C-alpha atoms as a PDB file:
ATOM      1  CA  MET A   1     -35.856  25.972  31.967  1.00  0.00           C
ATOM      2  CA  ALA A   2     -33.620  23.524  33.723  1.00  0.00           C
ATOM      3  CA  VAL A   3     -32.358  20.356  31.898  1.00  0.00           C
ATOM      4  CA  SER A   4     -32.861  17.129  33.919  1.00  0.00           C
ATOM      5  CA  GLU A   5     -30.373  14.975  34.912  1.00  0.00           C
ATOM      6  CA  GLN A   6     -31.101  12.062  32.751  1.00  0.00           C
ATOM      7  CA  GLU A   7     -31.308  14.237  29.601  1.00  0.00           C
ATOM      8  CA  ALA A   8     -28.255  16.099  30.517  1.00  0.00           C
ATOM      9  CA  SER A   9     -26.257  12.456  30.644  1.00  0.00           C
ATOM     10  CA  ALA A  10     -28.105  10.844  27.346  1.00  0.00           C
ATOM     11  CA  PRO A  11     -25.433  10.101  24.760  1.00  0.00           C
ATOM     12  CA  GLU A  12     -25.112  12.589  21.957  1.00  0.00           C
ATOM     13  CA  GLU A  13     -27.150  10.965  18.809  1.00  0.00           C
ATOM     14  CA  TRP A  14     -25.922  11.045  15.213  1.00  0.00           C
ATOM     15  CA  ASP A  15     -26.920  14.445  13.652  1.00  0.00           C
ATOM     16  CA  PRO A  16     -25.261  14.557  10.218  1.00  0.00           C
ATOM     17  CA  LEU A  17     -25.245  17.730   8.409  1.00  0.00           C
ATOM     18  CA  PRO A  18     -28.167  19.157   5.903  1.00  0.00           C
ATOM     19  CA  ARG A  19     -27.456  16.891   2.316  1.00  0.00           C
ATOM     20  CA  PRO A  20     -29.177  17.507  -0.883  1.00  0.00           C
ATOM     21  CA  PRO A  21     -31.792  15.104  -1.478  1.00  0.00           C
ATOM     22  CA  TRP A  22     -30.032  13.734  -4.567  1.00  0.00           C
ATOM     23  CA  ALA A  23     -27.147  12.700  -2.300  1.00  0.00           C
ATOM     24  CA  GLU A  24     -26.216   9.366  -0.787  1.00  0.00           C
ATOM     25  CA  PRO A  25     -27.052   8.711   2.773  1.00  0.00           C
ATOM     26  CA  GLN A  26     -24.361   9.458   5.371  1.00  0.00           C
ATOM     27  CA  LEU A  27     -23.293   6.443   7.608  1.00  0.00           C
ATOM     28  CA  PRO A  28     -22.616   7.073  11.260  1.00  0.00           C
ATOM     29  CA  PRO A  29     -18.961   6.865  12.374  1.00  0.00           C
ATOM     30  CA  ARG A  30     -19.987   4.162  14.640  1.00  0.00           C
ATOM     31  CA  THR A  31     -21.375   2.040  11.533  1.00  0.00           C
ATOM     32  CA  VAL A  32     -18.395   2.836   9.138  1.00  0.00           C
ATOM     33  CA  GLY A  33     -15.775   1.938  12.189  1.00  0.00           C
ATOM     34  CA  GLN A  34     -17.678  -1.337  12.674  1.00  0.00           C
ATOM     35  CA  ARG A  35     -17.778  -2.545   9.057  1.00  0.00           C
ATOM     36  CA  ALA A  36     -14.231  -1.486   8.482  1.00  0.00           C
ATOM     37  CA  VAL A  37     -12.908  -3.553  11.091  1.00  0.00           C
ATOM     38  CA  LEU A  38     -14.737  -6.388  10.181  1.00  0.00           C
ATOM     39  CA  VAL A  39     -13.486  -6.112   6.364  1.00  0.00           C
ATOM     40  CA  GLY A  40     -10.164  -5.688   7.897  1.00  0.00           C
ATOM     41  CA  THR A  41      -9.994  -8.818  10.372  1.00  0.00           C
ATOM     42  CA  LEU A  42     -11.839 -10.693   7.474  1.00  0.00           C
ATOM     43  CA  ALA A  43      -8.755  -9.613   4.985  1.00  0.00           C
ATOM     44  CA  ALA A  44      -6.387 -10.621   7.847  1.00  0.00           C
ATOM     45  CA  LEU A  45      -7.733 -14.028   7.931  1.00  0.00           C
ATOM     46  CA  THR A  46      -7.801 -14.689   4.458  1.00  0.00           C
ATOM     47  CA  LEU A  47      -4.416 -14.007   4.146  1.00  0.00           C
ATOM     48  CA  VAL A  48      -2.938 -15.859   6.837  1.00  0.00           C
ATOM     49  CA  LEU A  49      -5.190 -18.916   5.123  1.00  0.00           C
ATOM     50  CA  ALA A  50      -3.283 -18.127   2.049  1.00  0.00           C
ATOM     51  CA  ILE A  51       0.087 -18.210   3.760  1.00  0.00           C
ATOM     52  CA  VAL A  52      -0.515 -21.425   5.150  1.00  0.00           C
ATOM     53  CA  ALA A  53      -1.531 -22.992   2.192  1.00  0.00           C
ATOM     54  CA  GLY A  54       0.772 -21.410  -0.217  1.00  0.00           C
ATOM     55  CA  SER A  55       3.696 -22.752   2.397  1.00  0.00           C
ATOM     56  CA  GLN A  56       2.508 -25.897   2.158  1.00  0.00           C
ATOM     57  CA  GLY A  57       1.236 -25.624   5.895  1.00  0.00           C
ATOM     58  CA  LEU A  58       4.216 -23.297   6.974  1.00  0.00           C
ATOM     59  CA  ARG A  59       6.592 -26.286   6.124  1.00  0.00           C
ATOM     60  CA  ASP A  60       8.269 -23.802   3.556  1.00  0.00           C
ATOM     61  CA  LEU A  61       8.490 -20.689   5.607  1.00  0.00           C
ATOM     62  CA  ASP A  62      11.730 -19.391   6.990  1.00  0.00           C
ATOM     63  CA  ALA A  63      11.803 -18.337  10.454  1.00  0.00           C
ATOM     64  CA  ALA A  64      13.923 -15.407   9.124  1.00  0.00           C
ATOM     65  CA  GLN A  65      10.831 -14.482   7.478  1.00  0.00           C
ATOM     66  CA  LEU A  66       8.229 -14.469  10.028  1.00  0.00           C
ATOM     67  CA  PRO A  67       8.547 -10.663  11.010  1.00  0.00           C
ATOM     68  CA  TYR A  68       7.819  -9.870   7.488  1.00  0.00           C
ATOM     69  CA  ALA A  69       4.905 -11.983   7.049  1.00  0.00           C
ATOM     70  CA  ALA A  70       3.314 -10.865  10.402  1.00  0.00           C
ATOM     71  CA  ALA A  71       3.545  -7.236   9.565  1.00  0.00           C
ATOM     72  CA  SER A  72       2.032  -8.237   6.009  1.00  0.00           C
ATOM     73  CA  VAL A  73      -1.194  -9.456   8.025  1.00  0.00           C
ATOM     74  CA  PHE A  74      -1.351  -6.191   9.656  1.00  0.00           C
ATOM     75  CA  LEU A  75      -0.843  -4.410   6.292  1.00  0.00           C
ATOM     76  CA  ALA A  76      -3.578  -6.343   5.140  1.00  0.00           C
ATOM     77  CA  PHE A  77      -5.815  -5.394   7.833  1.00  0.00           C
ATOM     78  CA  GLY A  78      -4.937  -1.403   7.798  1.00  0.00           C
ATOM     79  CA  LEU A  79      -5.524  -1.289   3.814  1.00  0.00           C
ATOM     80  CA  ALA A  80      -8.964  -3.257   3.944  1.00  0.00           C
ATOM     81  CA  HIS A  81     -10.111  -1.102   6.694  1.00  0.00           C
ATOM     82  CA  ARG A  82      -9.105   2.308   4.945  1.00  0.00           C
ATOM     83  CA  CYS A  83     -10.306   1.240   1.667  1.00  0.00           C
ATOM     84  CA  THR A  84     -13.764   0.705   3.592  1.00  0.00           C
ATOM     85  CA  VAL A  85     -13.728   3.775   5.534  1.00  0.00           C
ATOM     86  CA  TRP A  86     -13.004   5.465   1.801  1.00  0.00           C
ATOM     87  CA  ALA A  87     -15.819   3.421   0.116  1.00  0.00           C
ATOM     88  CA  SER A  88     -18.147   4.323   2.824  1.00  0.00           C
ATOM     89  CA  GLY A  89     -18.271   8.214   2.000  1.00  0.00           C
ATOM     90  CA  PRO A  90     -21.491   9.295   0.195  1.00  0.00           C
ATOM     91  CA  ALA A  91     -19.516  10.945  -2.322  1.00  0.00           C
ATOM     92  CA  VAL A  92     -17.299   7.779  -3.052  1.00  0.00           C
ATOM     93  CA  ARG A  93     -20.377   5.239  -2.813  1.00  0.00           C
ATOM     94  CA  ARG A  94     -22.321   7.392  -5.318  1.00  0.00           C
ATOM     95  CA  PHE A  95     -19.001   7.337  -7.586  1.00  0.00           C
ATOM     96  CA  LEU A  96     -18.281   3.593  -7.140  1.00  0.00           C
ATOM     97  CA  ARG A  97     -22.029   3.145  -7.993  1.00  0.00           C
ATOM     98  CA  LEU A  98     -22.157   5.174 -11.138  1.00  0.00           C
ATOM     99  CA  SER A  99     -18.906   3.760 -12.224  1.00  0.00           C
ATOM    100  CA  TRP A 100     -19.889   0.002 -12.030  1.00  0.00           C
ATOM    101  CA  ARG A 101     -23.461   1.158 -13.769  1.00  0.00           C
ATOM    102  CA  ASN A 102     -21.388   2.292 -16.708  1.00  0.00           C
ATOM    103  CA  ALA A 103     -18.532  -0.252 -17.044  1.00  0.00           C
ATOM    104  CA  SER A 104     -21.316  -3.099 -17.056  1.00  0.00           C
ATOM    105  CA  CYS A 105     -23.612  -1.017 -19.758  1.00  0.00           C
ATOM    106  CA  TRP A 106     -22.544  -2.658 -23.087  1.00  0.00           C
ATOM    107  CA  SER A 107     -24.140  -0.187 -25.255  1.00  0.00           C
ATOM    108  CA  GLY A 108     -21.511   2.242 -23.513  1.00  0.00           C
ATOM    109  CA  LEU A 109     -18.852  -0.038 -23.981  1.00  0.00           C
ATOM    110  CA  ARG A 110     -19.685  -0.119 -27.641  1.00  0.00           C
ATOM    111  CA  ALA A 111     -20.005   3.409 -28.220  1.00  0.00           C
ATOM    112  CA  GLU A 112     -17.115   4.349 -25.909  1.00  0.00           C
ATOM    113  CA  PRO A 113     -14.713   1.328 -26.150  1.00  0.00           C
ATOM    114  CA  LEU A 114     -11.372   2.639 -25.116  1.00  0.00           C
ATOM    115  CA  ALA A 115     -12.827   4.750 -22.249  1.00  0.00           C
ATOM    116  CA  LEU A 116     -11.990   2.002 -19.607  1.00  0.00           C
ATOM    117  CA  PRO A 117      -8.495   1.729 -20.954  1.00  0.00           C
ATOM    118  CA  ARG A 118      -8.250   5.651 -20.649  1.00  0.00           C
ATOM    119  CA  LEU A 119      -9.187   5.458 -17.136  1.00  0.00           C
ATOM    120  CA  VAL A 120      -7.150   2.721 -15.945  1.00  0.00           C
ATOM    121  CA  GLY A 121      -4.084   4.526 -17.941  1.00  0.00           C
ATOM    122  CA  GLY A 122      -5.041   7.636 -15.811  1.00  0.00           C
ATOM    123  CA  CYS A 123      -5.412   5.985 -12.776  1.00  0.00           C
ATOM    124  CA  LEU A 124      -1.883   3.943 -13.164  1.00  0.00           C
ATOM    125  CA  GLY A 125      -0.214   7.617 -14.052  1.00  0.00           C
ATOM    126  CA  LEU A 126       0.220   7.310 -17.777  1.00  0.00           C
ATOM    127  CA  ARG A 127      -1.496  10.170 -18.370  1.00  0.00           C
ATOM    128  CA  ARG A 128      -0.279  13.715 -18.258  1.00  0.00           C
ATOM    129  CA  PRO A 129      -1.359  15.455 -15.366  1.00  0.00           C
ATOM    130  CA  ALA A 130      -2.411  19.311 -15.385  1.00  0.00           C
ATOM    131  CA  GLY A 131       0.242  21.700 -13.813  1.00  0.00           C
ATOM    132  CA  GLY A 132       3.767  22.592 -14.521  1.00  0.00           C
ATOM    133  CA  ARG A 133       5.521  19.227 -13.189  1.00  0.00           C
ATOM    134  CA  SER A 134       8.662  18.601 -14.948  1.00  0.00           C
ATOM    135  CA  ARG A 135       9.290  15.580 -17.204  1.00  0.00           C
ATOM    136  CA  LEU A 136      11.640  14.569 -14.931  1.00  0.00           C
ATOM    137  CA  HIS A 137       9.256  14.565 -12.129  1.00  0.00           C
ATOM    138  CA  ARG A 138       6.774  12.482 -13.570  1.00  0.00           C
ATOM    139  CA  SER A 139       9.148  10.140 -14.522  1.00  0.00           C
ATOM    140  CA  ALA A 140      10.572   9.641 -11.020  1.00  0.00           C
ATOM    141  CA  ARG A 141       6.903   9.322  -9.702  1.00  0.00           C
ATOM    142  CA  GLN A 142       6.603   6.773 -12.484  1.00  0.00           C
ATOM    143  CA  LEU A 143       9.936   4.933 -11.626  1.00  0.00           C
ATOM    144  CA  LEU A 144       9.434   4.846  -7.736  1.00  0.00           C
ATOM    145  CA  CYS A 145       5.654   3.767  -8.374  1.00  0.00           C
ATOM    146  CA  TRP A 146       6.417   0.230 -10.844  1.00  0.00           C
ATOM    147  CA  SER A 147       9.934  -0.263  -8.622  1.00  0.00           C
ATOM    148  CA  CYS A 148       8.047  -0.565  -5.640  1.00  0.00           C
ATOM    149  CA  LEU A 149       5.335  -2.805  -7.094  1.00  0.00           C
ATOM    150  CA  LEU A 150       7.675  -4.985  -8.947  1.00  0.00           C
ATOM    151  CA  ALA A 151       9.505  -5.183  -4.974  1.00  0.00           C
ATOM    152  CA  ALA A 152       6.134  -6.218  -3.956  1.00  0.00           C
ATOM    153  CA  VAL A 153       5.765  -8.751  -6.069  1.00  0.00           C
ATOM    154  CA  ILE A 154       8.922 -10.327  -5.458  1.00  0.00           C
ATOM    155  CA  ALA A 155       9.419 -10.059  -1.563  1.00  0.00           C
ATOM    156  CA  PHE A 156       5.506 -10.728  -0.556  1.00  0.00           C
ATOM    157  CA  PRO A 157       5.436 -14.325  -2.043  1.00  0.00           C
ATOM    158  CA  LEU A 158       9.102 -14.838  -0.659  1.00  0.00           C
ATOM    159  CA  SER A 159       8.376 -13.913   2.957  1.00  0.00           C
ATOM    160  CA  TRP A 160       4.861 -15.907   2.764  1.00  0.00           C
ATOM    161  CA  GLY A 161       6.931 -19.164   1.872  1.00  0.00           C
ATOM    162  CA  TRP A 162       5.071 -19.218  -1.580  1.00  0.00           C
ATOM    163  CA  PHE A 163       8.840 -19.166  -3.375  1.00  0.00           C
ATOM    164  CA  THR A 164      11.348 -21.547  -2.522  1.00  0.00           C
ATOM    165  CA  CYS A 165      14.441 -22.379  -3.928  1.00  0.00           C
ATOM    166  CA  THR A 166      15.754 -26.090  -3.419  1.00  0.00           C
ATOM    167  CA  GLY A 167      18.872 -27.911  -4.814  1.00  0.00           C
ATOM    168  CA  GLY A 168      18.263 -29.573  -8.164  1.00  0.00           C
ATOM    169  CA  GLY A 169      20.589 -32.553  -7.283  1.00  0.00           C
ATOM    170  CA  ASP A 170      23.399 -31.437  -9.313  1.00  0.00           C
ATOM    171  CA  PRO A 171      26.799 -32.692  -8.184  1.00  0.00           C
ATOM    172  CA  ALA A 172      28.482 -29.569  -8.433  1.00  0.00           C
ATOM    173  CA  GLY A 173      26.300 -27.849  -5.808  1.00  0.00           C
ATOM    174  CA  SER A 174      25.239 -24.980  -7.976  1.00  0.00           C
ATOM    175  CA  GLY A 175      21.826 -26.187  -9.604  1.00  0.00           C
ATOM    176  CA  TYR A 176      18.684 -25.105  -8.027  1.00  0.00           C
ATOM    177  CA  VAL A 177      14.846 -25.230  -8.299  1.00  0.00           C
ATOM    178  CA  LEU A 178      12.826 -22.467  -8.034  1.00  0.00           C
ATOM    179  CA  ARG A 179       9.208 -23.652  -6.477  1.00  0.00           C
ATOM    180  CA  LEU A 180       5.717 -21.788  -6.249  1.00  0.00           C
ATOM    181  CA  TRP A 181       3.572 -23.138  -3.721  1.00  0.00           C
ATOM    182  CA  GLY A 182       5.533 -26.371  -4.172  1.00  0.00           C
ATOM    183  CA  HIS A 183       5.315 -26.818  -7.648  1.00  0.00           C
ATOM    184  CA  ARG A 184       8.336 -26.649 -10.115  1.00  0.00           C
ATOM    185  CA  LEU A 185       8.353 -23.594 -12.011  1.00  0.00           C
ATOM    186  CA  PHE A 186      12.396 -24.010 -13.582  1.00  0.00           C
ATOM    187  CA  GLY A 187      16.066 -25.083 -12.512  1.00  0.00           C
ATOM    188  CA  PHE A 188      18.799 -22.421 -13.098  1.00  0.00           C
ATOM    189  CA  ASP A 189      22.684 -22.195 -12.199  1.00  0.00           C
ATOM    190  CA  ALA A 190      23.684 -20.238  -9.184  1.00  0.00           C
ATOM    191  CA  ASP A 191      26.717 -19.267 -10.964  1.00  0.00           C
ATOM    192  CA  GLY A 192      24.931 -17.853 -14.207  1.00  0.00           C
ATOM    193  CA  PRO A 193      23.082 -15.058 -15.260  1.00  0.00           C
ATOM    194  CA  LEU A 194      19.895 -16.281 -14.223  1.00  0.00           C
ATOM    195  CA  GLY A 195      20.586 -17.397 -10.983  1.00  0.00           C
ATOM    196  CA  TRP A 196      22.408 -14.245 -10.442  1.00  0.00           C
ATOM    197  CA  VAL A 197      19.307 -12.281 -11.309  1.00  0.00           C
ATOM    198  CA  VAL A 198      16.968 -14.608  -9.109  1.00  0.00           C
ATOM    199  CA  PHE A 199      19.302 -14.134  -6.246  1.00  0.00           C
ATOM    200  CA  HIS A 200      19.777 -10.214  -6.385  1.00  0.00           C
ATOM    201  CA  GLY A 201      16.254  -9.478  -7.786  1.00  0.00           C
ATOM    202  CA  LEU A 202      15.505  -6.926  -4.977  1.00  0.00           C
ATOM    203  CA  ASP A 203      18.690  -5.332  -5.282  1.00  0.00           C
ATOM    204  CA  LEU A 204      18.280  -4.420  -8.837  1.00  0.00           C
ATOM    205  CA  VAL A 205      14.763  -3.016  -7.702  1.00  0.00           C
ATOM    206  CA  SER A 206      16.244  -1.098  -4.863  1.00  0.00           C
ATOM    207  CA  VAL A 207      18.356   0.867  -6.890  1.00  0.00           C
ATOM    208  CA  PRO A 208      15.751   2.962  -8.860  1.00  0.00           C
ATOM    209  CA  VAL A 209      14.080   3.231  -5.842  1.00  0.00           C
ATOM    210  CA  VAL A 210      17.012   4.972  -3.943  1.00  0.00           C
ATOM    211  CA  ALA A 211      17.249   7.096  -7.000  1.00  0.00           C
ATOM    212  CA  ALA A 212      13.862   8.412  -7.317  1.00  0.00           C
ATOM    213  CA  ALA A 213      13.021   8.529  -3.765  1.00  0.00           C
ATOM    214  CA  GLY A 214      16.233  10.862  -3.471  1.00  0.00           C
ATOM    215  CA  PHE A 215      15.379  12.690  -6.274  1.00  0.00           C
ATOM    216  CA  LEU A 216      11.934  13.424  -4.844  1.00  0.00           C
ATOM    217  CA  LEU A 217      13.495  14.664  -1.806  1.00  0.00           C
ATOM    218  CA  TRP A 218      16.039  16.538  -2.973  1.00  0.00           C
ATOM    219  CA  ARG A 219      13.152  18.444  -5.276  1.00  0.00           C
ATOM    220  CA  ARG A 220      10.479  18.235  -2.817  1.00  0.00           C
ATOM    221  CA  ASP A 221      10.703  21.997  -1.698  1.00  0.00           C
ATOM    222  CA  GLY A 222      11.468  22.893  -5.283  1.00  0.00           C
ATOM    223  CA  ALA A 223       9.618  23.948  -8.499  1.00  0.00           C
ATOM    224  CA  ALA A 224       9.180  20.800  -9.772  1.00  0.00           C
ATOM    225  CA  THR A 225       6.163  20.126  -7.650  1.00  0.00           C
ATOM    226  CA  GLY A 226       4.688  23.010  -9.508  1.00  0.00           C
ATOM    227  CA  GLY A 227       2.280  23.876  -6.588  1.00  0.00           C
ATOM    228  CA  ASP A 228      -0.746  21.460  -8.147  1.00  0.00           C
ATOM    229  CA  GLY A 229      -1.533  18.387  -5.991  1.00  0.00           C
ATOM    230  CA  PRO A 230      -0.237  17.496  -2.756  1.00  0.00           C
ATOM    231  CA  ARG A 231       3.636  16.934  -2.564  1.00  0.00           C
ATOM    232  CA  PRO A 232       5.179  14.046  -1.635  1.00  0.00           C
ATOM    233  CA  ASP A 233       5.569  12.934   1.794  1.00  0.00           C
ATOM    234  CA  ALA A 234       9.320  12.906   3.321  1.00  0.00           C
ATOM    235  CA  ARG A 235       8.575  10.369   5.457  1.00  0.00           C
ATOM    236  CA  TRP A 236       7.228   8.195   3.265  1.00  0.00           C
ATOM    237  CA  LEU A 237      10.364   8.693   0.827  1.00  0.00           C
ATOM    238  CA  THR A 238      12.587   8.647   3.961  1.00  0.00           C
ATOM    239  CA  ALA A 239      11.199   4.549   4.753  1.00  0.00           C
ATOM    240  CA  LEU A 240      11.470   3.992   1.273  1.00  0.00           C
ATOM    241  CA  LEU A 241      15.033   4.771   1.290  1.00  0.00           C
ATOM    242  CA  ALA A 242      15.629   3.231   4.369  1.00  0.00           C
ATOM    243  CA  VAL A 243      14.342  -0.045   3.218  1.00  0.00           C
ATOM    244  CA  ALA A 244      15.978   0.451  -0.158  1.00  0.00           C
ATOM    245  CA  VAL A 245      19.567   1.345   1.269  1.00  0.00           C
ATOM    246  CA  THR A 246      19.511  -1.515   4.332  1.00  0.00           C
ATOM    247  CA  GLY A 247      18.759  -4.170   1.350  1.00  0.00           C
ATOM    248  CA  LEU A 248      21.743  -3.089  -0.207  1.00  0.00           C
ATOM    249  CA  LEU A 249      23.574  -2.495   2.146  1.00  0.00           C
ATOM    250  CA  LEU A 250      23.256  -6.305   3.301  1.00  0.00           C
ATOM    251  CA  THR A 251      24.283  -7.251  -0.067  1.00  0.00           C
ATOM    252  CA  PHE A 252      27.290  -5.112   0.034  1.00  0.00           C
ATOM    253  CA  SER A 253      28.003  -7.212   3.556  1.00  0.00           C
ATOM    254  CA  ALA A 254      27.898 -10.550   2.334  1.00  0.00           C
ATOM    255  CA  LEU A 255      30.243  -9.816  -0.735  1.00  0.00           C
ATOM    256  CA  ALA A 256      32.686  -7.221   0.022  1.00  0.00           C
ATOM    257  CA  LEU A 257      32.688  -7.728   3.706  1.00  0.00           C
ATOM    258  CA  HIS A 258      32.451 -11.610   3.890  1.00  0.00           C
ATOM    259  CA  GLY A 259      29.386 -11.451   6.584  1.00  0.00           C
ATOM    260  CA  GLY A 260      31.216  -7.948   8.446  1.00  0.00           C
ATOM    261  CA  GLY A 261      28.215  -6.553  10.275  1.00  0.00           C
ATOM    262  CA  TYR A 262      25.377  -8.556   8.720  1.00  0.00           C
ATOM    263  CA  GLN A 263      23.191  -9.328  11.801  1.00  0.00           C
ATOM    264  CA  PHE A 264      23.018  -5.541  12.653  1.00  0.00           C
ATOM    265  CA  LEU A 265      22.109  -4.625   8.930  1.00  0.00           C
ATOM    266  CA  ALA A 266      19.620  -7.439   9.173  1.00  0.00           C
ATOM    267  CA  VAL A 267      17.993  -6.288  12.180  1.00  0.00           C
ATOM    268  CA  LEU A 268      17.828  -2.728  11.085  1.00  0.00           C
ATOM    269  CA  HIS A 269      16.326  -3.633   7.741  1.00  0.00           C
ATOM    270  CA  ALA A 270      13.634  -5.790   9.176  1.00  0.00           C
ATOM    271  CA  ALA A 271      12.576  -3.244  11.502  1.00  0.00           C
ATOM    272  CA  SER A 272      12.727  -0.426   8.404  1.00  0.00           C
ATOM    273  CA  VAL A 273      10.526  -2.869   6.414  1.00  0.00           C
ATOM    274  CA  VAL A 274       8.239  -3.488   9.240  1.00  0.00           C
ATOM    275  CA  PHE A 275       7.756   0.126  10.182  1.00  0.00           C
ATOM    276  CA  THR A 276       7.261   0.989   6.759  1.00  0.00           C
ATOM    277  CA  MET A 277       4.428  -1.784   6.397  1.00  0.00           C
ATOM    278  CA  LEU A 278       2.856  -0.179   9.551  1.00  0.00           C
ATOM    279  CA  TYR A 279       2.954   3.295   8.507  1.00  0.00           C
ATOM    280  CA  LEU A 280       1.331   2.868   5.112  1.00  0.00           C
ATOM    281  CA  PRO A 281      -2.245   2.267   6.196  1.00  0.00           C
ATOM    282  CA  PHE A 282      -2.273   3.754   9.648  1.00  0.00           C
ATOM    283  CA  SER A 283      -0.060   7.196   8.448  1.00  0.00           C
ATOM    284  CA  ARG A 284      -3.188   9.460   8.413  1.00  0.00           C
ATOM    285  CA  PRO A 285      -6.395   9.154  10.897  1.00  0.00           C
ATOM    286  CA  PRO A 286      -9.671   8.343   8.409  1.00  0.00           C
ATOM    287  CA  ARG A 287     -11.493  11.405   8.282  1.00  0.00           C
ATOM    288  CA  ALA A 288     -14.821   9.498   7.561  1.00  0.00           C
ATOM    289  CA  LEU A 289     -14.878   8.427  11.479  1.00  0.00           C
ATOM    290  CA  ARG A 290     -14.714  11.920  12.362  1.00  0.00           C
ATOM    291  CA  ARG A 291     -17.874  13.445  13.856  1.00  0.00           C
ATOM    292  CA  PRO A 292     -18.892  16.520  11.404  1.00  0.00           C
ATOM    293  CA  GLU A 293     -19.054  19.718  13.164  1.00  0.00           C
ATOM    294  CA  ARG A 294     -22.126  21.125  13.744  1.00  0.00           C
ATOM    295  CA  GLN A 295     -23.048  24.352  12.080  1.00  0.00           C
ATOM    296  CA  THR A 296     -24.183  26.825  14.375  1.00  0.00           C
ATOM    297  CA  PRO A 297     -26.713  29.357  12.721  1.00  0.00           C
ATOM    298  CA  SER A 298     -25.627  33.254  12.950  1.00  0.00           C
ATOM    299  CA  THR A 299     -27.636  36.224  13.616  1.00  0.00           C
ATOM    300  CA  GLY A 300     -27.382  39.051  11.117  1.00  0.00           C
ATOM    301  CA  ASN A 301     -24.547  41.004  12.651  1.00  0.00           C
ATOM    302  CA  GLY A 302     -22.410  37.823  12.147  1.00  0.00           C
ATOM    303  CA  ALA A 303     -22.588  36.940  15.947  1.00  0.00           C
ATOM    304  CA  ARG A 304     -23.995  33.118  17.481  1.00  0.00           C
ATOM    305  CA  PRO A 305     -27.570  33.577  18.836  1.00  0.00           C
END
């Protein structure tokens, strides 16, 4: 029987795979993609408004921090996009709905008051995973995780113009005042221990990042992975190493080389940071946007009809 030209040119409709009756309805990839783009755009616009408001109308935003601030906006869009795609899966939506129902049930919280803290601790990696990973391997993962979180807490507000250091009116010129959103936090002496920690906070965080990322790269193909779960991505570890090492080289150039090669290292560090922030949300294609393959029934002898 011949197929008409109109029927042949008609777009293929969304035909999900058969699912059990208790499962969540599966959304078409086009609907998931549109919702993810909308949420990502709202997240990016919210961050832009927060940067403008927190930097006193961009008055406190340093021109040297513009590439990092722009990359963080794309990072917010990408993370919101990926989280929306992840939460749109039927299994994840069912898991989130049941988790919220259990967390908001006061009778369950009274019966198991430590269930939620144990869950949060397990998500943060404080629970010992199943498998043969060594204690040193788990410690390196924890060190890398918390070092990156601490670096993000310092670097992002600094690049957004939320943290500013202004002169404190000291005649010697060594007194500074740290401000957040234009409000005074505390004053410190640049030549004192507190001033050294404030100005070199990212350097102090970069040292454990280099140690942990280097160790995980060295043991990536070793027995420390234990074969349970995914191995650390070598591209991710290399990007973190590049960010940490170039940041330390900037300080080395300023202190030991009297600024020699500082401009080149600054550009290299900015490129590595921007690449890492753009690579984070777009490193792997989202599976929820893929059209599932239709299963063709087979005959008894294993051949397709």
